[in-house]
Amino acid sequence: ELVEGLLLLSYPLHPPGRPADLRTAHLPKLTA
């Protein structure tokens, strides 16, 4: 309940050239 919306500009989904190293573990917990 912390925020009512998120604005993510150029989200760094993974390091360049390393698409297997995803930074997504927390995304299913987003409610905003």
Full PDB file with SEQRES, HELIX, SHEET, SSBOND, CRYST1, ORIGX, SCALE, CONECT and MASTER records, all heavy atoms in Angstrom:
SEQRES   1 A   32  GLU LEU VAL GLU GLY LEU LEU LEU LEU SER TYR PRO LEU          
SEQRES   2 A   32  HIS PRO PRO GLY ARG PRO ALA ASP LEU ARG THR ALA HIS          
SEQRES   3 A   32  LEU PRO LYS LEU THR ALA                                      
HELIX    1 AA1 LEU A   27  LYS A   29  5                                   3    
CRYST1    1.000    1.000    1.000  90.00  90.00  90.00 P 1           1          
ORIGX1      1.000000  0.000000  0.000000        0.00000                         
ORIGX2      0.000000  1.000000  0.000000        0.00000                         
ORIGX3      0.000000  0.000000  1.000000        0.00000                         
SCALE1      1.000000  0.000000  0.000000        0.00000                         
SCALE2      0.000000  1.000000  0.000000        0.00000                         
SCALE3      0.000000  0.000000  1.000000        0.00000                         
ATOM      1  N   GLU A   1       0.814  -1.222   0.000  1.00  0.00           N  
ATOM      2  CA  GLU A   1       0.000   0.000   0.000  1.00  0.00           C  
ATOM      3  C   GLU A   1       0.852   1.279   0.000  1.00  0.00           C  
ATOM      4  O   GLU A   1       0.327   2.354   0.246  1.00  0.00           O  
ATOM      5  CB  GLU A   1      -0.936  -0.003   1.210  1.00  0.00           C  
ATOM      6  CG  GLU A   1      -1.854  -1.215   1.269  1.00  0.00           C  
ATOM      7  CD  GLU A   1      -2.760  -1.334   0.058  1.00  0.00           C  
ATOM      8  OE1 GLU A   1      -3.278  -0.310  -0.412  1.00  0.00           O  
ATOM      9  OE2 GLU A   1      -2.938  -2.469  -0.427  1.00  0.00           O  
ATOM     10  N   LEU A   2       2.108   1.167  -0.288  1.00  0.00           N  
ATOM     11  CA  LEU A   2       3.022   2.301  -0.186  1.00  0.00           C  
ATOM     12  C   LEU A   2       2.727   3.392  -1.217  1.00  0.00           C  
ATOM     13  O   LEU A   2       2.732   4.573  -0.898  1.00  0.00           O  
ATOM     14  CB  LEU A   2       4.469   1.835  -0.325  1.00  0.00           C  
ATOM     15  CG  LEU A   2       5.543   2.882  -0.132  1.00  0.00           C  
ATOM     16  CD1 LEU A   2       5.557   3.356   1.328  1.00  0.00           C  
ATOM     17  CD2 LEU A   2       6.900   2.324  -0.514  1.00  0.00           C  
ATOM     18  N   VAL A   3       2.482   3.002  -2.464  1.00  0.00           N  
ATOM     19  CA  VAL A   3       2.273   3.984  -3.537  1.00  0.00           C  
ATOM     20  C   VAL A   3       1.068   3.608  -4.385  1.00  0.00           C  
ATOM     21  O   VAL A   3       0.643   2.455  -4.407  1.00  0.00           O  
ATOM     22  CB  VAL A   3       3.529   4.112  -4.444  1.00  0.00           C  
ATOM     23  CG1 VAL A   3       4.710   4.643  -3.664  1.00  0.00           C  
ATOM     24  CG2 VAL A   3       3.873   2.804  -5.113  1.00  0.00           C  
ATOM     25  N   GLU A   4       0.532   4.603  -5.077  1.00  0.00           N  
ATOM     26  CA  GLU A   4      -0.609   4.386  -5.951  1.00  0.00           C  
ATOM     27  C   GLU A   4      -0.215   4.211  -7.413  1.00  0.00           C  
ATOM     28  O   GLU A   4      -1.075   4.009  -8.266  1.00  0.00           O  
ATOM     29  CB  GLU A   4      -1.600   5.554  -5.827  1.00  0.00           C  
ATOM     30  CG  GLU A   4      -2.459   5.499  -4.580  1.00  0.00           C  
ATOM     31  CD  GLU A   4      -1.723   5.905  -3.308  1.00  0.00           C  
ATOM     32  OE1 GLU A   4      -0.793   6.733  -3.357  1.00  0.00           O  
ATOM     33  OE2 GLU A   4      -2.084   5.369  -2.247  1.00  0.00           O  
ATOM     34  N   GLY A   5       1.059   4.282  -7.719  1.00  0.00           N  
ATOM     35  CA  GLY A   5       1.505   4.084  -9.091  1.00  0.00           C  
ATOM     36  C   GLY A   5       3.016   4.111  -9.189  1.00  0.00           C  
ATOM     37  O   GLY A   5       3.690   4.746  -8.375  1.00  0.00           O  
ATOM     38  N   LEU A   6       3.537   3.410 -10.188  1.00  0.00           N  
ATOM     39  CA  LEU A   6       4.974   3.354 -10.458  1.00  0.00           C  
ATOM     40  C   LEU A   6       5.261   3.780 -11.893  1.00  0.00           C  
ATOM     41  O   LEU A   6       4.549   3.378 -12.819  1.00  0.00           O  
ATOM     42  CB  LEU A   6       5.505   1.927 -10.288  1.00  0.00           C  
ATOM     43  CG  LEU A   6       5.689   1.407  -8.882  1.00  0.00           C  
ATOM     44  CD1 LEU A   6       5.968  -0.094  -8.914  1.00  0.00           C  
ATOM     45  CD2 LEU A   6       6.832   2.130  -8.200  1.00  0.00           C  
ATOM     46  N   LEU A   7       6.317   4.561 -12.064  1.00  0.00           N  
ATOM     47  CA  LEU A   7       6.786   4.977 -13.378  1.00  0.00           C  
ATOM     48  C   LEU A   7       8.217   4.484 -13.523  1.00  0.00           C  
ATOM     49  O   LEU A   7       9.120   4.965 -12.833  1.00  0.00           O  
ATOM     50  CB  LEU A   7       6.732   6.500 -13.521  1.00  0.00           C  
ATOM     51  CG  LEU A   7       7.304   7.085 -14.802  1.00  0.00           C  
ATOM     52  CD1 LEU A   7       6.596   6.520 -16.029  1.00  0.00           C  
ATOM     53  CD2 LEU A   7       7.207   8.607 -14.768  1.00  0.00           C  
ATOM     54  N   LEU A   8       8.410   3.499 -14.391  1.00  0.00           N  
ATOM     55  CA  LEU A   8       9.722   2.872 -14.565  1.00  0.00           C  
ATOM     56  C   LEU A   8      10.277   3.223 -15.939  1.00  0.00           C  
ATOM     57  O   LEU A   8       9.787   2.762 -16.963  1.00  0.00           O  
ATOM     58  CB  LEU A   8       9.601   1.353 -14.396  1.00  0.00           C  
ATOM     59  CG  LEU A   8       8.950   0.898 -13.081  1.00  0.00           C  
ATOM     60  CD1 LEU A   8       8.852  -0.621 -13.036  1.00  0.00           C  
ATOM     61  CD2 LEU A   8       9.703   1.444 -11.879  1.00  0.00           C  
ATOM     62  N   LEU A   9      11.298   4.060 -15.939  1.00  0.00           N  
ATOM     63  CA  LEU A   9      11.935   4.523 -17.167  1.00  0.00           C  
ATOM     64  C   LEU A   9      13.191   3.700 -17.421  1.00  0.00           C  
ATOM     65  O   LEU A   9      14.087   3.652 -16.574  1.00  0.00           O  
ATOM     66  CB  LEU A   9      12.298   6.007 -17.043  1.00  0.00           C  
ATOM     67  CG  LEU A   9      11.163   6.948 -16.648  1.00  0.00           C  
ATOM     68  CD1 LEU A   9      11.710   8.320 -16.316  1.00  0.00           C  
ATOM     69  CD2 LEU A   9      10.125   7.017 -17.737  1.00  0.00           C  
ATOM     70  N   SER A  10      13.259   3.039 -18.558  1.00  0.00           N  
ATOM     71  CA  SER A  10      14.423   2.215 -18.920  1.00  0.00           C  
ATOM     72  C   SER A  10      14.743   1.203 -17.834  1.00  0.00           C  
ATOM     73  O   SER A  10      15.876   1.108 -17.353  1.00  0.00           O  
ATOM     74  CB  SER A  10      15.649   3.091 -19.202  1.00  0.00           C  
ATOM     75  OG  SER A  10      15.410   3.959 -20.272  1.00  0.00           O  
ATOM     76  N   TYR A  11      13.738   0.428 -17.430  1.00  0.00           N  
ATOM     77  CA  TYR A  11      13.940  -0.579 -16.387  1.00  0.00           C  
ATOM     78  C   TYR A  11      15.062  -1.523 -16.805  1.00  0.00           C  
ATOM     79  O   TYR A  11      15.021  -2.095 -17.903  1.00  0.00           O  
ATOM     80  CB  TYR A  11      12.650  -1.371 -16.138  1.00  0.00           C  
ATOM     81  CG  TYR A  11      12.787  -2.333 -14.996  1.00  0.00           C  
ATOM     82  CD1 TYR A  11      12.602  -1.905 -13.693  1.00  0.00           C  
ATOM     83  CD2 TYR A  11      13.150  -3.657 -15.214  1.00  0.00           C  
ATOM     84  CE1 TYR A  11      12.753  -2.777 -12.626  1.00  0.00           C  
ATOM     85  CE2 TYR A  11      13.303  -4.536 -14.160  1.00  0.00           C  
ATOM     86  CZ  TYR A  11      13.108  -4.095 -12.872  1.00  0.00           C  
ATOM     87  OH  TYR A  11      13.273  -4.953 -11.813  1.00  0.00           O  
ATOM     88  N   PRO A  12      16.075  -1.735 -15.949  1.00  0.00           N  
ATOM     89  CA  PRO A  12      17.192  -2.619 -16.298  1.00  0.00           C  
ATOM     90  C   PRO A  12      16.820  -4.082 -16.053  1.00  0.00           C  
ATOM     91  O   PRO A  12      17.140  -4.669 -15.022  1.00  0.00           O  
ATOM     92  CB  PRO A  12      18.305  -2.148 -15.358  1.00  0.00           C  
ATOM     93  CG  PRO A  12      17.566  -1.673 -14.133  1.00  0.00           C  
ATOM     94  CD  PRO A  12      16.272  -1.094 -14.652  1.00  0.00           C  
ATOM     95  N   LEU A  13      16.139  -4.671 -17.002  1.00  0.00           N  
ATOM     96  CA  LEU A  13      15.610  -6.018 -16.858  1.00  0.00           C  
ATOM     97  C   LEU A  13      16.706  -7.064 -16.655  1.00  0.00           C  
ATOM     98  O   LEU A  13      16.529  -8.023 -15.908  1.00  0.00           O  
ATOM     99  CB  LEU A  13      14.774  -6.356 -18.088  1.00  0.00           C  
ATOM    100  CG  LEU A  13      13.914  -7.595 -18.014  1.00  0.00           C  
ATOM    101  CD1 LEU A  13      12.947  -7.525 -16.845  1.00  0.00           C  
ATOM    102  CD2 LEU A  13      13.156  -7.767 -19.312  1.00  0.00           C  
ATOM    103  N   HIS A  14      17.824  -6.863 -17.308  1.00  0.00           N  
ATOM    104  CA  HIS A  14      18.985  -7.748 -17.147  1.00  0.00           C  
ATOM    105  C   HIS A  14      20.227  -6.965 -17.556  1.00  0.00           C  
ATOM    106  O   HIS A  14      20.130  -5.951 -18.252  1.00  0.00           O  
ATOM    107  CB  HIS A  14      18.841  -9.023 -17.996  1.00  0.00           C  
ATOM    108  CG  HIS A  14      18.670  -8.772 -19.458  1.00  0.00           C  
ATOM    109  ND1 HIS A  14      19.677  -8.291 -20.273  1.00  0.00           N  
ATOM    110  CD2 HIS A  14      17.585  -8.930 -20.262  1.00  0.00           C  
ATOM    111  CE1 HIS A  14      19.229  -8.176 -21.505  1.00  0.00           C  
ATOM    112  NE2 HIS A  14      17.956  -8.542 -21.525  1.00  0.00           N  
ATOM    113  N   PRO A  15      21.406  -7.413 -17.117  1.00  0.00           N  
ATOM    114  CA  PRO A  15      22.630  -6.738 -17.577  1.00  0.00           C  
ATOM    115  C   PRO A  15      22.774  -6.903 -19.095  1.00  0.00           C  
ATOM    116  O   PRO A  15      22.356  -7.927 -19.649  1.00  0.00           O  
ATOM    117  CB  PRO A  15      23.758  -7.489 -16.849  1.00  0.00           C  
ATOM    118  CG  PRO A  15      23.098  -8.160 -15.690  1.00  0.00           C  
ATOM    119  CD  PRO A  15      21.696  -8.479 -16.146  1.00  0.00           C  
ATOM    120  N   PRO A  16      23.345  -5.917 -19.778  1.00  0.00           N  
ATOM    121  CA  PRO A  16      23.539  -6.037 -21.226  1.00  0.00           C  
ATOM    122  C   PRO A  16      24.276  -7.326 -21.590  1.00  0.00           C  
ATOM    123  O   PRO A  16      25.282  -7.680 -20.967  1.00  0.00           O  
ATOM    124  CB  PRO A  16      24.371  -4.809 -21.585  1.00  0.00           C  
ATOM    125  CG  PRO A  16      24.001  -3.810 -20.537  1.00  0.00           C  
ATOM    126  CD  PRO A  16      23.825  -4.625 -19.276  1.00  0.00           C  
ATOM    127  N   GLY A  17      23.749  -8.045 -22.565  1.00  0.00           N  
ATOM    128  CA  GLY A  17      24.372  -9.271 -23.035  1.00  0.00           C  
ATOM    129  C   GLY A  17      24.138 -10.478 -22.141  1.00  0.00           C  
ATOM    130  O   GLY A  17      24.652 -11.561 -22.418  1.00  0.00           O  
ATOM    131  N   ARG A  18      23.364 -10.325 -21.072  1.00  0.00           N  
ATOM    132  CA  ARG A  18      23.111 -11.448 -20.150  1.00  0.00           C  
ATOM    133  C   ARG A  18      21.605 -11.603 -19.897  1.00  0.00           C  
ATOM    134  O   ARG A  18      21.125 -11.427 -18.776  1.00  0.00           O  
ATOM    135  CB  ARG A  18      23.869 -11.220 -18.839  1.00  0.00           C  
ATOM    136  CG  ARG A  18      25.367 -11.242 -19.075  1.00  0.00           C  
ATOM    137  CD  ARG A  18      26.255 -11.062 -17.883  1.00  0.00           C  
ATOM    138  NE  ARG A  18      25.697 -11.178 -16.571  1.00  0.00           N  
ATOM    139  CZ  ARG A  18      26.095 -10.431 -15.527  1.00  0.00           C  
ATOM    140  NH1 ARG A  18      27.031  -9.521 -15.685  1.00  0.00           N  
ATOM    141  NH2 ARG A  18      25.563 -10.600 -14.345  1.00  0.00           N  
ATOM    142  N   PRO A  19      20.845 -11.949 -20.927  1.00  0.00           N  
ATOM    143  CA  PRO A  19      19.389 -12.016 -20.795  1.00  0.00           C  
ATOM    144  C   PRO A  19      18.888 -13.073 -19.808  1.00  0.00           C  
ATOM    145  O   PRO A  19      17.739 -13.016 -19.380  1.00  0.00           O  
ATOM    146  CB  PRO A  19      18.904 -12.304 -22.214  1.00  0.00           C  
ATOM    147  CG  PRO A  19      20.072 -12.892 -22.906  1.00  0.00           C  
ATOM    148  CD  PRO A  19      21.295 -12.291 -22.273  1.00  0.00           C  
ATOM    149  N   ALA A  20      19.716 -14.019 -19.435  1.00  0.00           N  
ATOM    150  CA  ALA A  20      19.294 -15.042 -18.468  1.00  0.00           C  
ATOM    151  C   ALA A  20      19.298 -14.517 -17.034  1.00  0.00           C  
ATOM    152  O   ALA A  20      18.685 -15.120 -16.151  1.00  0.00           O  
ATOM    153  CB  ALA A  20      20.199 -16.264 -18.577  1.00  0.00           C  
ATOM    154  N   ASP A  21      19.976 -13.396 -16.790  1.00  0.00           N  
ATOM    155  CA  ASP A  21      20.088 -12.831 -15.435  1.00  0.00           C  
ATOM    156  C   ASP A  21      18.968 -11.821 -15.185  1.00  0.00           C  
ATOM    157  O   ASP A  21      19.211 -10.634 -14.956  1.00  0.00           O  
ATOM    158  CB  ASP A  21      21.452 -12.159 -15.247  1.00  0.00           C  
ATOM    159  CG  ASP A  21      22.603 -13.141 -15.304  1.00  0.00           C  
ATOM    160  OD1 ASP A  21      22.370 -14.345 -15.095  1.00  0.00           O  
ATOM    161  OD2 ASP A  21      23.725 -12.692 -15.564  1.00  0.00           O  
ATOM    162  N   LEU A  22      17.728 -12.309 -15.217  1.00  0.00           N  
ATOM    163  CA  LEU A  22      16.574 -11.430 -15.084  1.00  0.00           C  
ATOM    164  C   LEU A  22      16.429 -10.867 -13.671  1.00  0.00           C  
ATOM    165  O   LEU A  22      16.703 -11.553 -12.689  1.00  0.00           O  
ATOM    166  CB  LEU A  22      15.296 -12.174 -15.476  1.00  0.00           C  
ATOM    167  CG  LEU A  22      15.179 -12.521 -16.949  1.00  0.00           C  
ATOM    168  CD1 LEU A  22      13.945 -13.375 -17.194  1.00  0.00           C  
ATOM    169  CD2 LEU A  22      15.126 -11.259 -17.794  1.00  0.00           C  
ATOM    170  N   ARG A  23      15.982  -9.630 -13.621  1.00  0.00           N  
ATOM    171  CA  ARG A  23      15.734  -8.933 -12.357  1.00  0.00           C  
ATOM    172  C   ARG A  23      14.222  -8.782 -12.177  1.00  0.00           C  
ATOM    173  O   ARG A  23      13.693  -7.674 -12.148  1.00  0.00           O  
ATOM    174  CB  ARG A  23      16.422  -7.577 -12.389  1.00  0.00           C  
ATOM    175  CG  ARG A  23      17.935  -7.696 -12.542  1.00  0.00           C  
ATOM    176  CD  ARG A  23      18.538  -6.382 -12.926  1.00  0.00           C  
ATOM    177  NE  ARG A  23      19.998  -6.458 -12.933  1.00  0.00           N  
ATOM    178  CZ  ARG A  23      20.758  -5.630 -13.607  1.00  0.00           C  
ATOM    179  NH1 ARG A  23      20.228  -4.666 -14.335  1.00  0.00           N  
ATOM    180  NH2 ARG A  23      22.065  -5.747 -13.551  1.00  0.00           N  
ATOM    181  N   THR A  24      13.557  -9.914 -12.071  1.00  0.00           N  
ATOM    182  CA  THR A  24      12.095  -9.913 -12.057  1.00  0.00           C  
ATOM    183  C   THR A  24      11.481 -10.583 -10.828  1.00  0.00           C  
ATOM    184  O   THR A  24      10.255 -10.623 -10.718  1.00  0.00           O  
ATOM    185  CB  THR A  24      11.555 -10.627 -13.304  1.00  0.00           C  
ATOM    186  OG1 THR A  24      12.066 -11.976 -13.324  1.00  0.00           O  
ATOM    187  CG2 THR A  24      11.955  -9.915 -14.581  1.00  0.00           C  
ATOM    188  N   ALA A  25      12.265 -11.109  -9.922  1.00  0.00           N  
ATOM    189  CA  ALA A  25      11.730 -11.901  -8.808  1.00  0.00           C  
ATOM    190  C   ALA A  25      10.670 -11.150  -8.007  1.00  0.00           C  
ATOM    191  O   ALA A  25       9.700 -11.748  -7.538  1.00  0.00           O  
ATOM    192  CB  ALA A  25      12.861 -12.360  -7.899  1.00  0.00           C  
ATOM    193  N   HIS A  26      10.826  -9.850  -7.869  1.00  0.00           N  
ATOM    194  CA  HIS A  26       9.891  -9.074  -7.048  1.00  0.00           C  
ATOM    195  C   HIS A  26       8.646  -8.610  -7.811  1.00  0.00           C  
ATOM    196  O   HIS A  26       7.673  -8.179  -7.200  1.00  0.00           O  
ATOM    197  CB  HIS A  26      10.607  -7.857  -6.463  1.00  0.00           C  
ATOM    198  CG  HIS A  26      11.007  -6.848  -7.494  1.00  0.00           C  
ATOM    199  ND1 HIS A  26      12.047  -7.056  -8.380  1.00  0.00           N  
ATOM    200  CD2 HIS A  26      10.484  -5.636  -7.812  1.00  0.00           C  
ATOM    201  CE1 HIS A  26      12.154  -6.013  -9.186  1.00  0.00           C  
ATOM    202  NE2 HIS A  26      11.219  -5.135  -8.866  1.00  0.00           N  
ATOM    203  N   LEU A  27       8.649  -8.680  -9.109  1.00  0.00           N  
ATOM    204  CA  LEU A  27       7.547  -8.123  -9.900  1.00  0.00           C  
ATOM    205  C   LEU A  27       6.173  -8.724  -9.576  1.00  0.00           C  
ATOM    206  O   LEU A  27       5.187  -7.984  -9.545  1.00  0.00           O  
ATOM    207  CB  LEU A  27       7.849  -8.225 -11.399  1.00  0.00           C  
ATOM    208  CG  LEU A  27       9.047  -7.414 -11.904  1.00  0.00           C  
ATOM    209  CD1 LEU A  27       9.190  -7.561 -13.420  1.00  0.00           C  
ATOM    210  CD2 LEU A  27       8.963  -5.961 -11.498  1.00  0.00           C  
ATOM    211  N   PRO A  28       6.053 -10.025  -9.290  1.00  0.00           N  
ATOM    212  CA  PRO A  28       4.726 -10.557  -8.953  1.00  0.00           C  
ATOM    213  C   PRO A  28       4.122  -9.976  -7.665  1.00  0.00           C  
ATOM    214  O   PRO A  28       2.928 -10.144  -7.417  1.00  0.00           O  
ATOM    215  CB  PRO A  28       4.974 -12.068  -8.803  1.00  0.00           C  
ATOM    216  CG  PRO A  28       6.171 -12.334  -9.645  1.00  0.00           C  
ATOM    217  CD  PRO A  28       7.032 -11.099  -9.483  1.00  0.00           C  
ATOM    218  N   LYS A  29       4.923  -9.290  -6.884  1.00  0.00           N  
ATOM    219  CA  LYS A  29       4.430  -8.690  -5.637  1.00  0.00           C  
ATOM    220  C   LYS A  29       3.948  -7.248  -5.820  1.00  0.00           C  
ATOM    221  O   LYS A  29       3.464  -6.641  -4.876  1.00  0.00           O  
ATOM    222  CB  LYS A  29       5.527  -8.729  -4.570  1.00  0.00           C  
ATOM    223  CG  LYS A  29       5.927 -10.137  -4.189  1.00  0.00           C  
ATOM    224  CD  LYS A  29       7.058 -10.124  -3.194  1.00  0.00           C  
ATOM    225  CE  LYS A  29       7.556 -11.536  -2.944  1.00  0.00           C  
ATOM    226  NZ  LYS A  29       8.795 -11.538  -2.195  1.00  0.00           N  
ATOM    227  N   LEU A  30       4.077  -6.705  -7.016  1.00  0.00           N  
ATOM    228  CA  LEU A  30       3.645  -5.322  -7.249  1.00  0.00           C  
ATOM    229  C   LEU A  30       2.122  -5.248  -7.312  1.00  0.00           C  
ATOM    230  O   LEU A  30       1.488  -6.030  -8.016  1.00  0.00           O  
ATOM    231  CB  LEU A  30       4.238  -4.770  -8.547  1.00  0.00           C  
ATOM    232  CG  LEU A  30       5.728  -4.481  -8.535  1.00  0.00           C  
ATOM    233  CD1 LEU A  30       6.193  -4.029  -9.918  1.00  0.00           C  
ATOM    234  CD2 LEU A  30       6.066  -3.433  -7.495  1.00  0.00           C  
ATOM    235  N   THR A  31       1.561  -4.293  -6.591  1.00  0.00           N  
ATOM    236  CA  THR A  31       0.110  -4.102  -6.604  1.00  0.00           C  
ATOM    237  C   THR A  31      -0.284  -2.757  -7.195  1.00  0.00           C  
ATOM    238  O   THR A  31      -1.459  -2.528  -7.453  1.00  0.00           O  
ATOM    239  CB  THR A  31      -0.460  -4.212  -5.178  1.00  0.00           C  
ATOM    240  OG1 THR A  31       0.155  -3.220  -4.354  1.00  0.00           O  
ATOM    241  CG2 THR A  31      -0.215  -5.601  -4.598  1.00  0.00           C  
ATOM    242  N   ALA A  32       0.661  -1.875  -7.392  1.00  0.00           N  
ATOM    243  CA  ALA A  32       0.372  -0.543  -7.935  1.00  0.00           C  
ATOM    244  C   ALA A  32       0.388  -0.578  -9.462  1.00  0.00           C  
ATOM    245  O   ALA A  32       1.192  -1.293 -10.072  1.00  0.00           O  
ATOM    246  CB  ALA A  32       1.413   0.462  -7.443  1.00  0.00           C  
TER     247      ALA A  32                                                      
MASTER        0    0    0    1    0    0    0    6  246    1    0    3          
END                                                                             
